[in-house]
Amino acid sequence: MQRRDFLKVAALTGASTALGAATLSLPGCGKGMISKDPNRPNVILITADDLGWKDLGCYGNTKIKTPNIDRLAREGMKFTNAFVVSSSCAPSRASFITGQYPHTNGVTALTHIKKSKSLMPFYTTLPSILSDNGYNTALEGKWHVSPYLPTSWYGYRERLSGMLPKDFWIENSNKALEFIDDNKENRFYLELNYMNCHRKDDGEFYFDEDFPVNPEDVHVPEYWTLPDWEEIRLEVAKFYSQTMKMDKMIGDVLNKLDEYGIAENTLVVFVSDNGPPFPGNKMTLYDRGTGTPMIFRWPGVIRPGTSYDGLANTIDIMPTIALACGFEIPAAVEGKSLLPIIDGESTGDIHEAVFMEMTDHVFYLPTRAARTKDWKYIKNYSDIAKGLDQNNHMEWAHRLCELPNQPWKSPRVPEELYDLKNDPNEQVNLAENSDYKAKLDEMRDLLEAHMTKTNDPYLGKGFTKDYKANLDIYKTKGVGDKYK
């Protein structure tokens, strides 16, 4: 069967039933058996931690060299309006493998801090679907979805890195390349979760000696909406150095696929879990916090060098991969398959709007948002400030908050409305401007309909005053204080 014919059959099958995928096992192919079916692709899901949607060469950043990720975009499809469902690691990553919103799968906080918010093992995940159908499934790097439970409970047959947080950092490509060596004849799913773009536990970035970046050669990206201060440029240089290290390791994996001649039968997906770890970016529902680079490469299916400008959401990753591999999409999945887009069958809009949420990060931060192509509506359920997260020990971060457009230590307002066409960096809140009352009502209704449909527990909740009770959060912390 030709691959495009296989995809059409898979799409028809997936669209015609709402059965849970956990019940779909290939004949004679249980969990202990490995499939070699040539019609089904291998899958490599590559995730970056804290990488913004415009922080790569292929997304227009001329100050960083990311040739291998750029290669994925050149040989595949780049999504230019893709968004995570939450600007926080654990909730975002849980959506990758469940295809569900955080309030649906229950992962609404950082799970290493709030263990009760870990993903329960009875949820159907992408690895469990693939494993049940004969794929050898493996995980290397960060496991933040349910860090205190065995990854085998979530469908991963192999864990290529240890359970301790120090083991989450992928330092080289040895284990990934060995896994590909061992499975070059098999159908496999490999999830590589790189943490290079995440700050260390002490809140610092460090240069990688193999990837030097001169702070005098970079500028603070305009879309971060931060001043181009010398201290921040140094942080940018270190951030770029680590991003380039990650890019090199991704190149190692791509070269190994080429070496074995299996690149054409391997779907590679690249995505980040939230925006860059700087004030007003990560932990916010602004585009600089939720926008993500998202790239699909699948030679022979995806036309090289294409891009999709329609809205996409990271809950779409799970159903897209499941259907691309020929398996049904579970009824509980809330994302939509992007397969018609990546295989060229459709160029229309998959989503008229996308939705994002925060409930907790390190601290309580209840927020919901709706985004269309031209408008963003944010509903805050508390006046508690966004805070500075891992930047809290830095003098410049607190000095930054003295600027009028940097209110990260100040109380939040109940509602925000932004005209993205004329104000792409979301600097002018139009929620109290009477000229935009009709648009505000429209966006309110849009978010409320989504919250009703998905049974969001914050539907109908009021705005609470929590700022004064949490003033200690915003004080300067010592370098030894640890934030995740």
Protein backbone atom coordinates (compact mmCIF):
# COMPACT_ATOMS: atom_id res chain seq x y z
CA MET A 1 0.00 0.00 0.00
CA GLN A 2 1.33 3.45 -0.92
CA ARG A 3 1.78 5.79 2.03
CA ARG A 4 -0.75 8.36 0.87
CA ASP A 5 -3.32 5.59 0.33
CA PHE A 6 -2.55 4.31 3.82
CA LEU A 7 -3.11 7.79 5.24
CA LYS A 8 -6.47 8.11 3.52
CA VAL A 9 -7.60 4.76 4.94
CA ALA A 10 -6.32 5.76 8.37
CA ALA A 11 -8.13 9.08 8.21
CA LEU A 12 -11.42 7.44 7.24
CA THR A 13 -11.03 4.86 9.99
CA GLY A 14 -10.20 7.43 12.63
CA ALA A 15 -13.06 9.70 11.65
CA SER A 16 -15.67 6.97 11.60
CA THR A 17 -15.51 5.76 15.15
CA ALA A 18 -15.22 7.02 18.68
CA LEU A 19 -13.86 3.85 20.24
CA GLY A 20 -11.00 4.22 22.72
CA ALA A 21 -7.67 3.49 21.08
CA ALA A 22 -6.49 1.39 24.01
CA THR A 23 -8.73 -1.40 22.70
CA LEU A 24 -7.13 -1.40 19.26
CA SER A 25 -4.43 -4.07 19.08
CA LEU A 26 -3.03 -5.45 15.88
CA PRO A 27 -3.57 -9.20 15.51
CA GLY A 28 -0.80 -11.09 17.27
CA CYS A 29 0.84 -7.84 18.37
CA GLY A 30 0.51 -7.40 22.11
CA LYS A 31 2.64 -5.31 24.44
CA GLY A 32 5.43 -7.85 24.40
CA MET A 33 5.72 -7.97 20.61
CA ILE A 34 7.31 -5.48 18.24
CA SER A 35 5.76 -4.56 14.91
CA LYS A 36 7.79 -4.32 11.71
CA ASP A 37 4.85 -3.14 9.57
CA PRO A 38 6.44 -1.06 6.78
CA ASN A 39 3.25 0.92 6.21
CA ARG A 40 3.41 2.50 9.64
CA PRO A 41 5.95 5.26 10.35
CA ASN A 42 8.39 5.50 13.18
CA VAL A 43 7.82 8.57 15.33
CA ILE A 44 10.31 10.85 17.06
CA LEU A 45 8.74 13.53 19.24
CA ILE A 46 11.32 16.16 20.18
CA THR A 47 10.43 18.68 22.85
CA ALA A 48 12.38 21.74 23.90
CA ASP A 49 11.95 23.24 27.36
CA ASP A 50 11.26 26.99 27.60
CA LEU A 51 11.98 27.80 23.95
CA GLY A 52 9.98 30.65 22.44
CA TRP A 53 8.21 30.49 19.10
CA LYS A 54 10.57 32.98 17.42
CA ASP A 55 13.84 31.88 19.02
CA LEU A 56 15.08 29.83 16.04
CA GLY A 57 16.69 30.63 12.73
CA CYS A 58 13.80 29.11 10.76
CA TYR A 59 11.39 31.41 12.62
CA GLY A 60 13.32 34.54 11.69
CA ASN A 61 15.91 34.88 14.45
CA THR A 62 19.13 35.95 12.71
CA LYS A 63 21.22 35.99 15.89
CA ILE A 64 21.19 32.25 16.56
CA LYS A 65 22.44 29.30 14.54
CA THR A 66 20.09 26.30 14.63
CA PRO A 67 20.91 24.47 11.39
CA ASN A 68 19.38 21.13 12.36
CA ILE A 69 16.02 22.43 13.51
CA ASP A 70 16.08 24.72 10.48
CA ARG A 71 16.64 21.58 8.40
CA LEU A 72 13.47 20.05 9.83
CA ALA A 73 11.55 23.14 8.72
CA ARG A 74 13.23 23.13 5.31
CA GLU A 75 12.36 19.47 4.77
CA GLY A 76 8.94 19.57 6.40
CA MET A 77 6.11 21.87 7.49
CA LYS A 78 6.49 24.79 9.87
CA PHE A 79 3.49 25.98 11.87
CA THR A 80 3.63 29.74 12.40
CA ASN A 81 0.61 30.14 14.68
CA ALA A 82 0.92 27.19 17.04
CA PHE A 83 0.21 27.55 20.76
CA VAL A 84 0.63 25.44 23.87
CA VAL A 85 -2.41 24.94 26.07
CA SER A 86 -0.55 26.14 29.17
CA SER A 87 2.57 28.23 29.72
CA SER A 88 3.87 25.84 32.34
CA CYS A 89 5.87 22.68 31.84
CA ALA A 90 3.87 19.81 33.34
CA PRO A 91 0.39 20.89 32.13
CA SER A 92 1.76 21.60 28.68
CA ARG A 93 3.59 18.28 28.39
CA ALA A 94 0.60 16.29 29.61
CA SER A 95 -1.37 17.75 26.71
CA PHE A 96 1.22 16.45 24.22
CA ILE A 97 0.53 12.83 25.10
CA THR A 98 -3.17 12.97 26.08
CA GLY A 99 -4.56 15.48 23.57
CA GLN A 100 -6.53 17.06 26.42
CA TYR A 101 -6.68 20.35 28.26
CA PRO A 102 -5.07 20.51 31.72
CA HIS A 103 -8.40 20.85 33.52
CA THR A 104 -9.54 17.68 31.72
CA ASN A 105 -6.55 15.43 32.44
CA GLY A 106 -5.97 16.98 35.87
CA VAL A 107 -2.36 18.14 35.35
CA THR A 108 -2.87 21.77 36.36
CA ALA A 109 0.36 22.46 38.26
CA LEU A 110 4.03 21.55 38.47
CA THR A 111 3.79 17.91 39.46
CA HIS A 112 7.10 17.63 41.30
CA ILE A 113 5.74 20.25 43.74
CA LYS A 114 2.06 19.27 43.76
CA LYS A 115 2.15 15.50 43.42
CA SER A 116 -1.65 15.16 43.44
CA LYS A 117 -1.74 16.98 40.10
CA SER A 118 0.25 14.25 38.34
CA LEU A 119 -1.35 12.46 35.41
CA MET A 120 -3.18 9.41 36.64
CA PRO A 121 -2.21 6.22 34.77
CA PHE A 122 -5.76 5.40 33.65
CA TYR A 123 -5.62 8.15 30.99
CA THR A 124 -4.94 6.94 27.47
CA THR A 125 -1.67 8.36 26.19
CA LEU A 126 -0.01 8.44 22.81
CA PRO A 127 2.79 6.07 23.95
CA SER A 128 0.23 3.61 25.32
CA ILE A 129 -1.65 3.56 22.01
CA LEU A 130 1.54 2.90 20.08
CA SER A 131 2.90 0.37 22.56
CA ASP A 132 -0.36 -1.56 22.56
CA ASN A 133 -0.05 -1.78 18.80
CA GLY A 134 3.48 -3.09 18.61
CA TYR A 135 5.68 0.00 18.72
CA ASN A 136 8.75 0.00 20.89
CA THR A 137 8.28 3.18 22.88
CA ALA A 138 11.03 5.03 24.73
CA LEU A 139 11.54 8.23 26.70
CA GLU A 140 14.72 10.17 27.33
CA GLY A 141 15.08 13.38 29.30
CA LYS A 142 12.52 15.33 31.24
CA TRP A 143 9.53 13.41 32.58
CA HIS A 144 7.35 16.00 34.25
CA VAL A 145 3.91 14.58 33.61
CA SER A 146 4.00 12.18 36.56
CA PRO A 147 7.57 12.14 37.89
CA TYR A 148 7.01 9.85 40.86
CA LEU A 149 5.32 6.98 39.03
CA PRO A 150 6.86 4.47 36.60
CA THR A 151 6.88 5.63 32.99
CA SER A 152 5.85 2.10 31.97
CA TRP A 153 2.40 2.88 33.38
CA TYR A 154 2.04 5.51 30.64
CA GLY A 155 3.05 3.36 27.70
CA TYR A 156 6.82 3.76 27.60
CA ARG A 157 8.49 0.37 27.24
CA GLU A 158 11.95 1.84 27.82
CA ARG A 159 13.27 4.71 29.90
CA LEU A 160 16.62 5.90 28.62
CA SER A 161 17.36 8.25 31.52
CA GLY A 162 17.07 8.00 35.30
CA MET A 163 14.26 9.10 37.58
CA LEU A 164 16.16 11.77 39.50
CA PRO A 165 15.85 15.41 38.32
CA LYS A 166 19.58 15.50 37.55
CA ASP A 167 19.00 12.71 35.03
CA PHE A 168 16.45 14.78 33.11
CA TRP A 169 19.24 16.71 31.35
CA ILE A 170 20.30 15.05 28.09
CA GLU A 171 24.04 15.72 27.86
CA ASN A 172 24.77 13.80 24.67
CA SER A 173 23.08 11.70 22.00
CA ASN A 174 24.54 8.31 22.92
CA LYS A 175 21.41 6.71 24.34
CA ALA A 176 19.12 8.02 21.61
CA LEU A 177 21.44 6.75 18.89
CA GLU A 178 21.75 3.36 20.60
CA PHE A 179 17.96 3.08 20.75
CA ILE A 180 17.72 3.79 17.02
CA ASP A 181 20.49 1.24 16.39
CA ASP A 182 18.54 -1.39 18.28
CA ASN A 183 15.22 -0.59 16.61
CA LYS A 184 16.11 0.26 13.03
CA GLU A 185 14.11 -2.75 11.80
CA ASN A 186 11.20 -2.13 14.17
CA ARG A 187 8.43 0.38 14.47
CA PHE A 188 9.44 2.73 17.26
CA TYR A 189 8.38 5.86 19.11
CA LEU A 190 11.17 7.89 20.68
CA GLU A 191 10.41 10.90 22.86
CA LEU A 192 13.38 13.21 23.42
CA ASN A 193 12.74 15.89 26.03
CA TYR A 194 15.63 18.37 26.03
CA MET A 195 16.06 20.81 28.93
CA ASN A 196 18.87 22.97 27.57
CA CYS A 197 16.70 26.10 27.30
CA HIS A 198 15.55 25.73 30.92
CA ARG A 199 17.47 27.43 33.70
CA LYS A 200 19.35 25.29 36.18
CA ASP A 201 17.99 24.88 39.71
CA ASP A 202 19.94 27.95 40.84
CA GLY A 203 18.07 30.06 38.29
CA GLU A 204 21.12 30.53 36.08
CA PHE A 205 22.08 29.80 32.50
CA TYR A 206 25.61 28.68 31.68
CA PHE A 207 27.50 28.84 28.41
CA ASP A 208 28.22 25.55 26.70
CA GLU A 209 31.92 25.58 25.92
CA ASP A 210 31.35 24.15 22.45
CA PHE A 211 28.84 26.86 21.53
CA PRO A 212 30.18 30.27 22.55
CA VAL A 213 27.98 33.32 21.98
CA ASN A 214 29.27 36.86 22.42
CA PRO A 215 26.74 38.96 24.36
CA GLU A 216 27.84 41.97 22.30
CA ASP A 217 26.60 40.23 19.15
CA VAL A 218 23.02 39.67 20.32
CA HIS A 219 20.06 41.78 21.29
CA VAL A 220 17.06 41.06 23.47
CA PRO A 221 14.38 39.80 21.06
CA GLU A 222 11.78 42.47 20.45
CA TYR A 223 8.86 40.11 20.99
CA TRP A 224 10.03 39.33 24.55
CA THR A 225 9.04 42.97 25.30
CA LEU A 226 12.07 43.43 27.58
CA PRO A 227 14.57 46.29 27.46
CA ASP A 228 17.86 45.70 25.66
CA TRP A 229 19.91 45.93 28.83
CA GLU A 230 23.44 44.57 29.09
CA GLU A 231 22.46 42.16 31.88
CA ILE A 232 19.63 40.72 29.82
CA ARG A 233 21.82 40.42 26.71
CA LEU A 234 24.18 38.25 28.73
CA GLU A 235 21.24 36.02 29.64
CA VAL A 236 20.20 35.90 25.98
CA ALA A 237 23.71 34.83 24.94
CA LYS A 238 23.72 31.95 27.44
CA PHE A 239 20.21 30.95 26.40
CA TYR A 240 21.30 30.86 22.74
CA SER A 241 24.41 28.83 23.62
CA GLN A 242 22.28 26.14 25.23
CA THR A 243 19.76 26.21 22.37
CA MET A 244 22.60 25.59 19.93
CA LYS A 245 23.80 22.64 22.02
CA MET A 246 20.31 21.13 21.80
CA ASP A 247 20.25 21.74 18.06
CA LYS A 248 23.49 19.82 17.65
CA MET A 249 22.08 16.78 19.48
CA ILE A 250 18.98 16.90 17.30
CA GLY A 251 21.31 16.84 14.31
CA ASP A 252 22.93 13.66 15.66
CA VAL A 253 19.54 11.95 15.64
CA LEU A 254 18.65 13.13 12.14
CA ASN A 255 22.01 11.94 10.82
CA LYS A 256 21.45 8.51 12.36
CA LEU A 257 18.11 8.21 10.55
CA ASP A 258 19.89 9.07 7.31
CA GLU A 259 22.65 6.55 8.02
CA TYR A 260 20.14 3.69 8.27
CA GLY A 261 17.96 4.92 5.43
CA ILE A 262 14.89 5.18 7.64
CA ALA A 263 14.32 8.96 7.54
CA GLU A 264 11.60 8.58 4.91
CA ASN A 265 9.62 6.29 7.16
CA THR A 266 10.01 8.44 10.26
CA LEU A 267 7.69 11.22 11.32
CA VAL A 268 9.68 13.78 13.32
CA VAL A 269 7.79 16.37 15.37
CA PHE A 270 9.48 19.30 17.11
CA VAL A 271 7.75 21.51 19.69
CA SER A 272 8.40 23.53 22.85
CA ASP A 273 6.45 23.37 26.10
CA ASN A 274 6.17 27.14 26.76
CA GLY A 275 7.84 30.47 26.16
CA PRO A 276 11.34 31.59 27.21
CA PRO A 277 12.19 31.78 30.94
CA PHE A 278 12.18 35.55 31.25
CA PRO A 279 9.81 37.95 33.04
CA GLY A 280 6.47 38.36 31.30
CA ASN A 281 7.05 35.43 28.94
CA LYS A 282 6.89 31.96 30.50
CA MET A 283 3.94 31.59 32.91
CA THR A 284 1.82 34.09 30.95
CA LEU A 285 -0.90 33.53 28.38
CA TYR A 286 0.46 36.21 26.09
CA ASP A 287 1.72 34.94 22.75
CA ARG A 288 5.30 35.22 24.01
CA GLY A 289 4.36 32.72 26.72
CA THR A 290 2.17 30.33 24.73
CA GLY A 291 3.45 30.61 21.17
CA THR A 292 5.54 27.58 20.24
CA PRO A 293 7.68 26.52 17.32
CA MET A 294 6.04 23.42 15.87
CA ILE A 295 7.49 21.49 12.94
CA PHE A 296 6.48 18.20 11.30
CA ARG A 297 8.85 16.38 8.93
CA TRP A 298 7.77 13.23 7.11
CA PRO A 299 9.49 12.73 3.73
CA GLY A 300 7.16 11.51 1.03
CA VAL A 301 4.09 12.79 2.84
CA ILE A 302 4.85 16.38 3.84
CA ARG A 303 5.95 18.64 1.02
CA PRO A 304 9.33 20.19 1.91
CA GLY A 305 9.58 23.83 2.87
CA THR A 306 5.87 24.35 3.50
CA SER A 307 4.27 26.36 6.26
CA TYR A 308 0.83 26.62 7.79
CA ASP A 309 -0.39 29.96 9.09
CA GLY A 310 -3.67 28.78 10.57
CA LEU A 311 -4.14 28.35 14.30
CA ALA A 312 -2.88 25.10 15.83
CA ASN A 313 -2.72 23.83 19.38
CA THR A 314 -0.43 21.34 21.08
CA ILE A 315 -3.40 19.14 22.02
CA ASP A 316 -3.47 18.45 18.28
CA ILE A 317 -0.15 16.58 18.39
CA MET A 318 -1.49 13.39 19.96
CA PRO A 319 -4.40 12.78 17.55
CA THR A 320 -2.24 13.75 14.56
CA ILE A 321 0.44 11.19 15.37
CA ALA A 322 -2.06 8.48 16.32
CA LEU A 323 -3.92 8.87 13.05
CA ALA A 324 -0.70 9.14 11.02
CA CYS A 325 0.28 5.75 12.44
CA GLY A 326 -3.10 4.31 11.47
CA PHE A 327 -4.78 4.17 14.87
CA GLU A 328 -8.10 5.58 15.98
CA ILE A 329 -8.34 8.75 18.02
CA PRO A 330 -9.80 8.11 21.49
CA ALA A 331 -13.17 9.71 22.11
CA ALA A 332 -11.82 11.66 25.08
CA VAL A 333 -9.25 13.53 22.99
CA GLU A 334 -10.04 17.25 22.71
CA GLY A 335 -7.46 18.14 20.07
CA LYS A 336 -7.95 17.91 16.32
CA SER A 337 -5.84 15.96 13.87
CA LEU A 338 -3.55 18.09 11.72
CA LEU A 339 -3.09 15.21 9.28
CA PRO A 340 -5.17 16.85 6.52
CA ILE A 341 -2.85 19.85 6.77
CA ILE A 342 0.49 18.08 6.84
CA ASP A 343 -0.33 15.64 4.04
CA GLY A 344 -1.58 18.47 1.82
CA GLU A 345 -5.19 17.35 1.60
CA SER A 346 -6.44 20.61 3.12
CA THR A 347 -5.23 24.18 3.50
CA GLY A 348 -8.21 25.46 5.46
CA ASP A 349 -8.47 26.43 9.11
CA ILE A 350 -8.46 23.59 11.62
CA HIS A 351 -9.35 25.99 14.46
CA GLU A 352 -11.29 29.24 14.48
CA ALA A 353 -9.86 29.86 17.94
CA VAL A 354 -7.45 28.26 20.39
CA PHE A 355 -7.67 28.25 24.17
CA MET A 356 -5.05 28.41 26.89
CA GLU A 357 -5.11 28.14 30.66
CA MET A 358 -3.10 28.42 33.85
CA THR A 359 -4.14 27.34 37.30
CA ASP A 360 -0.87 26.87 39.18
CA HIS A 361 2.80 27.06 38.38
CA VAL A 362 5.00 27.29 41.47
CA PHE A 363 2.29 29.57 42.87
CA TYR A 364 -1.44 30.03 42.26
CA LEU A 365 -2.02 31.78 38.93
CA PRO A 366 -5.61 31.12 37.73
CA THR A 367 -6.10 32.41 34.19
CA ARG A 368 -7.98 31.44 31.03
CA ALA A 369 -7.59 32.80 27.49
CA ALA A 370 -9.14 32.63 24.04
CA ARG A 371 -7.23 33.57 20.90
CA THR A 372 -8.43 34.06 17.37
CA LYS A 373 -6.21 35.13 14.49
CA ASP A 374 -6.62 38.79 15.36
CA TRP A 375 -7.75 38.99 19.00
CA LYS A 376 -6.74 37.74 22.43
CA TYR A 377 -8.98 37.72 25.51
CA ILE A 378 -7.56 36.89 28.93
CA LYS A 379 -9.68 36.32 32.01
CA ASN A 380 -7.82 36.46 35.31
CA TYR A 381 -9.47 34.82 38.29
CA SER A 382 -7.17 36.39 40.88
CA ASP A 383 -5.22 39.61 41.28
CA ILE A 384 -2.14 37.64 42.37
CA ALA A 385 0.87 38.88 40.39
CA LYS A 386 2.57 36.81 37.71
CA GLY A 387 5.87 37.03 39.59
CA LEU A 388 9.41 36.50 38.36
CA ASP A 389 9.85 32.73 38.77
CA GLN A 390 13.52 31.74 38.37
CA ASN A 391 14.52 35.35 37.69
CA ASN A 392 13.46 36.34 41.20
CA HIS A 393 17.01 36.38 42.59
CA MET A 394 18.24 38.77 39.90
CA GLU A 395 18.59 42.45 40.69
CA TRP A 396 17.82 43.46 37.12
CA ALA A 397 14.51 41.56 37.16
CA HIS A 398 13.24 43.58 40.13
CA ARG A 399 14.54 46.82 38.60
CA LEU A 400 12.72 45.83 35.42
CA CYS A 401 9.40 45.86 37.27
CA GLU A 402 9.77 49.60 37.85
CA LEU A 403 9.03 50.13 34.14
CA PRO A 404 5.39 50.87 33.25
CA ASN A 405 5.01 47.93 30.85
CA GLN A 406 6.57 45.35 33.20
CA PRO A 407 3.92 44.81 35.93
CA TRP A 408 5.07 41.34 36.97
CA LYS A 409 5.07 42.20 40.70
CA SER A 410 1.82 44.19 40.57
CA PRO A 411 -1.80 43.06 41.05
CA ARG A 412 -3.52 41.73 37.94
CA VAL A 413 -6.74 43.11 36.50
CA PRO A 414 -9.84 40.94 35.91
CA GLU A 415 -9.85 41.10 32.11
CA GLU A 416 -7.52 41.83 29.20
CA LEU A 417 -8.30 42.33 25.52
CA TYR A 418 -5.69 42.77 22.80
CA ASP A 419 -5.88 43.68 19.12
CA LEU A 420 -3.17 41.33 17.82
CA LYS A 421 -3.20 42.76 14.33
CA ASN A 422 -2.23 46.24 15.52
CA ASP A 423 -0.65 45.30 18.85
CA PRO A 424 1.11 41.93 18.36
CA ASN A 425 3.10 42.23 21.58
CA GLU A 426 -0.07 42.76 23.66
CA GLN A 427 0.92 46.04 25.24
CA VAL A 428 -2.40 47.94 25.19
CA ASN A 429 -5.25 46.40 27.18
CA LEU A 430 -8.54 47.40 25.52
CA ALA A 431 -10.86 45.69 28.02
CA GLU A 432 -12.01 48.95 29.59
CA ASN A 433 -12.17 50.89 26.34
CA SER A 434 -15.87 51.37 25.55
CA ASP A 435 -15.12 51.43 21.81
CA TYR A 436 -14.35 47.71 22.03
CA LYS A 437 -17.26 46.57 24.19
CA ALA A 438 -18.80 44.50 21.37
CA LYS A 439 -15.51 42.71 20.71
CA LEU A 440 -15.01 42.15 24.45
CA ASP A 441 -18.47 40.59 24.74
CA GLU A 442 -17.78 38.40 21.69
CA MET A 443 -14.51 37.11 23.14
CA ARG A 444 -16.07 36.57 26.56
CA ASP A 445 -18.78 34.45 24.95
CA LEU A 446 -16.17 32.51 22.98
CA LEU A 447 -14.21 31.61 26.11
CA GLU A 448 -17.35 30.81 28.10
CA ALA A 449 -18.59 28.45 25.39
CA HIS A 450 -15.25 26.64 25.43
CA MET A 451 -15.26 26.37 29.22
CA THR A 452 -18.82 25.06 29.16
CA LYS A 453 -18.02 22.48 26.49
CA THR A 454 -14.94 21.20 28.33
CA ASN A 455 -16.43 21.36 31.85
CA ASP A 456 -13.83 23.80 33.10
CA PRO A 457 -14.22 24.08 36.89
CA TYR A 458 -13.43 27.82 36.74
CA LEU A 459 -16.55 28.53 34.71
CA GLY A 460 -18.58 31.11 36.64
CA LYS A 461 -15.93 31.74 39.30
CA GLY A 462 -15.37 35.29 40.43
CA PHE A 463 -12.24 37.42 40.72
CA THR A 464 -10.47 37.01 44.06
CA LYS A 465 -8.07 39.36 45.88
CA ASP A 466 -4.99 37.31 46.79
CA TYR A 467 -2.20 39.79 46.11
CA LYS A 468 -1.64 41.23 49.58
CA ALA A 469 -1.63 37.81 51.20
CA ASN A 470 1.25 36.74 48.97
CA LEU A 471 3.59 39.73 49.07
CA ASP A 472 6.50 37.54 50.15
CA ILE A 473 6.47 35.91 46.73
CA TYR A 474 7.66 39.13 45.10
CA LYS A 475 10.59 39.87 47.38
CA THR A 476 14.14 39.38 46.13
CA LYS A 477 15.27 35.82 46.77
CA GLY A 478 18.81 34.59 47.37
CA VAL A 479 20.70 32.71 44.69
CA GLY A 480 20.35 29.54 46.76
CA ASP A 481 16.55 29.66 46.67
CA LYS A 482 15.31 27.21 44.06
CA TYR A 483 12.43 27.64 41.67
CA LYS A 484 11.43 25.12 39.02
